[in-house]
Amino acid sequence: MGMEISKSFVVKAPRAAVWDFLTDPYQVAKCLPGAAVTEKVDDRTYAGTMTVKVGPVTASYRGKLRFERLDEAAGEAELAASGQETRGKGGADMRMKSRVIETGPAETEVTVISDVNVMGVLAQFGRGMIQDVSDQLFGKFSEAMRRELESPAAAPAPVPAAPPVAEAPPAPAPTVSAAPVAAAPPSPPPPAPPPAAENVLDVGALGAAAAGRAAGRTVRRPVFWIVVIVLALLLYWLFFRQ
């Protein structure tokens, strides 16, 4: 099943900062729950994984993308990408064109047009279902990206004051012997840090119930949602690695 998806959003940050962020997979992965960059194959090719959780069911997907064209001066990029469920039950191929345009002194618009070909089990589900879920995923990422790029710049470090003029030390006071003081008991060890949060995308936290009702299904069928989410995740992961 082939489909075209177009997305755009605005970030209140300079164009150069937005370009650098979006072409750095390691920066992007920080804003993607469940995403990890596993390998830099070469200067333009990367491999990564995405882990998804729906109720008690967890599934992992692996993908690879290659930047076919990177024109920083024009703010344009083209890439080819593919993703596959680790057990081989479904996947998708994608070709994408993107553009970064400065719309103000510190405001940048990102526009993407992608052609997606869905294969295997994923082809059983309609465009509307996948679009609804991918919209939520794109929204989550753009919020995280804005937090990274729109935060106030760090204030410049204050200029250190000149050191005071040294004065002659006062005469030492006479020494008085003091009674020995008992040693304080040892401090208790600090509490152990909490365990690190699991790096996984919890579909239930994205409002999947609403999408399920719209499709006449419920999130009580976790295997169904694992299959539906894989394409949305592929779009979510690769759209922002433009």
Protein backbone atom coordinates (compact mmCIF):
# COMPACT_ATOMS: atom_id res chain seq x y z
CA MET A 1 0.00 0.00 0.00
CA GLY A 2 1.48 3.36 -1.04
CA MET A 3 0.67 6.67 0.61
CA GLU A 4 1.96 10.25 0.69
CA ILE A 5 2.36 12.09 3.98
CA SER A 6 3.11 15.81 4.30
CA LYS A 7 4.03 17.54 7.57
CA SER A 8 5.21 20.98 8.64
CA PHE A 9 5.82 22.81 11.89
CA VAL A 10 7.54 25.97 13.14
CA VAL A 11 10.34 26.25 15.71
CA LYS A 12 11.30 29.55 17.31
CA ALA A 13 15.02 29.08 16.75
CA PRO A 14 17.57 30.11 14.10
CA ARG A 15 17.59 28.09 10.90
CA ALA A 16 21.18 26.90 11.41
CA ALA A 17 20.35 25.51 14.87
CA VAL A 18 17.28 23.67 13.54
CA TRP A 19 19.26 22.18 10.64
CA ASP A 20 22.07 21.01 12.90
CA PHE A 21 19.58 19.43 15.31
CA LEU A 22 17.55 17.59 12.67
CA THR A 23 20.60 16.19 10.86
CA ASP A 24 22.12 14.83 14.08
CA PRO A 25 20.50 11.44 14.81
CA TYR A 26 21.88 11.38 18.35
CA GLN A 27 20.19 14.69 19.22
CA VAL A 28 16.95 13.53 17.64
CA ALA A 29 16.93 10.23 19.53
CA LYS A 30 16.87 12.14 22.84
CA CYS A 31 13.41 13.43 21.89
CA LEU A 32 12.05 10.05 20.76
CA PRO A 33 10.81 7.73 23.52
CA GLY A 34 11.94 4.21 22.73
CA ALA A 35 14.44 5.26 20.04
CA ALA A 36 18.16 4.50 19.97
CA VAL A 37 20.92 4.98 17.40
CA THR A 38 22.75 1.66 17.26
CA GLU A 39 25.32 2.23 14.54
CA LYS A 40 26.84 4.89 12.32
CA VAL A 41 27.49 2.91 9.16
CA ASP A 42 29.17 5.84 7.39
CA ASP A 43 28.89 9.63 7.27
CA ARG A 44 25.42 9.45 5.70
CA THR A 45 24.02 6.09 6.83
CA TYR A 46 22.69 5.20 10.28
CA ALA A 47 20.99 2.21 11.88
CA GLY A 48 18.62 2.41 14.82
CA THR A 49 15.91 0.68 16.82
CA MET A 50 12.51 1.59 18.25
CA THR A 51 10.87 -0.21 21.18
CA VAL A 52 7.08 -0.04 21.58
CA LYS A 53 4.89 -1.11 24.48
CA VAL A 54 1.13 -1.66 24.44
CA GLY A 55 -0.13 -2.98 27.77
CA PRO A 56 1.89 -6.11 28.61
CA VAL A 57 3.19 -6.54 25.05
CA THR A 58 6.55 -5.08 23.95
CA ALA A 59 7.95 -5.20 20.42
CA SER A 60 11.13 -3.90 18.79
CA TYR A 61 11.77 -2.58 15.30
CA ARG A 62 14.99 -1.92 13.46
CA GLY A 63 15.58 0.46 10.60
CA LYS A 64 18.22 2.10 8.46
CA LEU A 65 18.32 5.38 6.59
CA ARG A 66 20.69 7.03 4.18
CA PHE A 67 20.91 10.74 3.40
CA GLU A 68 20.85 10.81 -0.41
CA ARG A 69 21.30 14.60 -0.56
CA LEU A 70 22.20 17.24 2.02
CA ASP A 71 22.25 20.88 0.86
CA GLU A 72 22.71 23.04 3.94
CA ALA A 73 22.83 26.29 1.94
CA ALA A 74 19.38 25.59 0.48
CA GLY A 75 18.14 23.88 3.65
CA GLU A 76 17.08 20.81 1.66
CA ALA A 77 17.56 17.11 2.30
CA GLU A 78 16.53 13.87 0.60
CA LEU A 79 16.73 10.41 2.15
CA ALA A 80 15.77 6.81 1.63
CA ALA A 81 14.79 4.66 4.61
CA SER A 82 13.35 1.30 5.59
CA GLY A 83 12.15 -0.34 8.79
CA GLN A 84 11.30 -3.91 9.79
CA GLU A 85 9.80 -5.59 12.84
CA THR A 86 12.52 -7.76 14.39
CA ARG A 87 10.42 -10.90 13.85
CA GLY A 88 9.81 -9.95 10.22
CA LYS A 89 6.01 -9.53 10.38
CA GLY A 90 5.80 -6.16 8.68
CA GLY A 91 7.69 -3.09 7.57
CA ALA A 92 7.83 -0.09 5.26
CA ASP A 93 10.06 1.73 2.78
CA MET A 94 10.18 5.50 2.50
CA ARG A 95 11.61 8.22 0.29
CA MET A 96 11.49 11.70 1.75
CA LYS A 97 12.19 15.30 0.74
CA SER A 98 12.46 17.98 3.40
CA ARG A 99 13.15 21.70 3.58
CA VAL A 100 14.09 24.09 6.37
CA ILE A 101 13.11 27.74 5.77
CA GLU A 102 13.87 30.74 7.96
CA THR A 103 10.63 32.68 8.42
CA GLY A 104 11.94 35.28 10.89
CA PRO A 105 15.03 36.40 12.81
CA ALA A 106 14.73 33.39 15.12
CA GLU A 107 11.91 31.35 13.56
CA THR A 108 12.21 28.36 11.24
CA GLU A 109 9.62 26.30 9.36
CA VAL A 110 10.27 22.62 8.63
CA THR A 111 8.35 21.00 5.75
CA VAL A 112 8.48 17.34 4.72
CA ILE A 113 6.85 15.36 1.91
CA SER A 114 7.29 11.58 1.99
CA ASP A 115 6.22 8.64 -0.16
CA VAL A 116 5.69 5.51 1.92
CA ASN A 117 5.21 1.93 0.73
CA VAL A 118 3.73 -0.37 3.39
CA MET A 119 4.41 -4.11 3.21
CA GLY A 120 3.28 -7.28 4.96
CA VAL A 121 0.84 -7.18 7.86
CA LEU A 122 0.88 -3.37 7.97
CA ALA A 123 -0.86 -3.19 4.59
CA GLN A 124 -4.06 -4.53 6.23
CA PHE A 125 -4.68 -1.25 8.06
CA GLY A 126 -6.09 1.92 6.57
CA ARG A 127 -4.41 5.26 5.98
CA GLY A 128 -6.70 7.00 8.46
CA MET A 129 -5.67 4.75 11.35
CA ILE A 130 -1.95 5.18 10.70
CA GLN A 131 -2.32 8.93 10.13
CA ASP A 132 -4.15 9.45 13.45
CA VAL A 133 -1.44 7.72 15.45
CA SER A 134 1.47 9.30 13.56
CA ASP A 135 -0.05 12.76 14.15
CA GLN A 136 0.17 12.16 17.90
CA LEU A 137 3.74 10.92 17.61
CA PHE A 138 4.82 13.90 15.53
CA GLY A 139 3.20 16.22 18.05
CA LYS A 140 5.09 14.62 20.94
CA PHE A 141 8.39 14.97 19.12
CA SER A 142 7.88 18.58 18.03
CA GLU A 143 7.09 19.53 21.64
CA ALA A 144 10.31 17.91 22.87
CA MET A 145 12.32 19.53 20.08
CA ARG A 146 10.95 22.96 20.92
CA ARG A 147 11.94 22.48 24.54
CA GLU A 148 15.49 21.74 23.38
CA LEU A 149 15.82 24.61 20.90
CA GLU A 150 13.58 27.32 22.35
CA SER A 151 14.97 27.32 25.89
CA PRO A 152 16.63 30.64 26.88
CA ALA A 153 20.32 30.81 26.04
CA ALA A 154 22.67 30.48 28.96
CA ALA A 155 23.63 33.84 30.44
CA PRO A 156 27.24 34.90 29.84
CA ALA A 157 29.60 34.15 32.67
CA PRO A 158 30.17 37.16 34.97
CA VAL A 159 33.53 38.93 34.76
CA PRO A 160 35.55 38.03 37.86
CA ALA A 161 36.24 40.95 40.21
CA ALA A 162 39.79 42.08 40.88
CA PRO A 163 41.32 40.31 43.88
CA PRO A 164 41.45 42.40 47.08
CA VAL A 165 44.75 43.87 48.22
CA ALA A 166 46.47 41.55 50.65
CA GLU A 167 46.85 42.86 54.20
CA ALA A 168 49.39 41.88 56.81
CA PRO A 169 48.03 39.01 58.93
CA PRO A 170 47.28 39.83 62.58
CA ALA A 171 49.54 38.51 65.29
CA PRO A 172 48.61 34.95 66.29
CA ALA A 173 46.62 34.59 69.50
CA PRO A 174 48.10 32.52 72.30
CA THR A 175 47.40 28.81 71.96
CA VAL A 176 45.03 27.28 74.51
CA SER A 177 44.86 23.51 74.88
CA ALA A 178 41.34 22.12 74.58
CA ALA A 179 39.89 18.91 75.87
CA PRO A 180 39.70 16.14 73.23
CA VAL A 181 36.37 15.92 71.42
CA ALA A 182 34.74 12.56 70.77
CA ALA A 183 34.61 11.58 67.10
CA ALA A 184 31.22 12.03 65.44
CA PRO A 185 29.45 8.81 64.37
CA PRO A 186 29.81 8.02 60.65
CA SER A 187 27.10 9.41 58.37
CA PRO A 188 24.67 6.86 56.93
CA PRO A 189 25.31 5.97 53.27
CA PRO A 190 23.27 7.97 50.73
CA PRO A 191 20.14 6.26 49.38
CA ALA A 192 20.57 4.29 46.18
CA PRO A 193 19.52 6.21 43.05
CA PRO A 194 16.19 5.20 41.50
CA PRO A 195 16.42 2.76 38.58
CA ALA A 196 16.75 4.36 35.16
CA ALA A 197 13.49 4.77 33.29
CA GLU A 198 12.86 2.15 30.62
CA ASN A 199 13.51 3.57 27.15
CA VAL A 200 10.28 2.49 25.52
CA LEU A 201 7.40 4.23 23.77
CA ASP A 202 4.21 3.49 25.71
CA VAL A 203 1.41 3.74 23.16
CA GLY A 204 -1.18 3.85 25.92
CA ALA A 205 0.20 7.23 26.99
CA LEU A 206 -0.41 8.69 23.52
CA GLY A 207 -4.18 8.55 23.65
CA ALA A 208 -4.44 5.39 21.60
CA ALA A 209 -7.90 4.71 23.04
CA ALA A 210 -9.38 7.57 21.01
CA ALA A 211 -7.84 6.27 17.80
CA GLY A 212 -9.05 2.78 18.66
CA ARG A 213 -12.63 3.98 19.12
CA ALA A 214 -12.46 5.82 15.81
CA ALA A 215 -11.49 2.57 14.10
CA GLY A 216 -14.12 0.49 15.90
CA ARG A 217 -11.43 -1.32 17.92
CA THR A 218 -10.11 -1.13 21.47
CA VAL A 219 -6.68 -1.07 23.05
CA ARG A 220 -7.57 -4.33 24.77
CA ARG A 221 -6.08 -5.93 21.67
CA PRO A 222 -2.39 -5.14 22.18
CA VAL A 223 -1.15 -7.22 19.25
CA PHE A 224 -3.36 -5.18 16.91
CA TRP A 225 -1.88 -1.93 18.22
CA ILE A 226 1.68 -3.21 17.97
CA VAL A 227 1.10 -3.81 14.25
CA VAL A 228 -0.62 -0.46 13.65
CA ILE A 229 2.04 1.54 15.49
CA VAL A 230 5.05 0.25 13.59
CA LEU A 231 4.44 2.40 10.52
CA ALA A 232 3.65 5.44 12.61
CA LEU A 233 6.90 4.85 14.48
CA LEU A 234 8.82 4.56 11.25
CA LEU A 235 7.44 7.90 10.10
CA TYR A 236 8.00 9.42 13.54
CA TRP A 237 11.61 8.17 13.74
CA LEU A 238 12.63 8.99 10.17
CA PHE A 239 10.71 12.23 9.60
CA PHE A 240 12.75 13.99 12.24
CA ARG A 241 16.07 12.50 11.06
CA GLN A 242 15.83 14.46 7.82
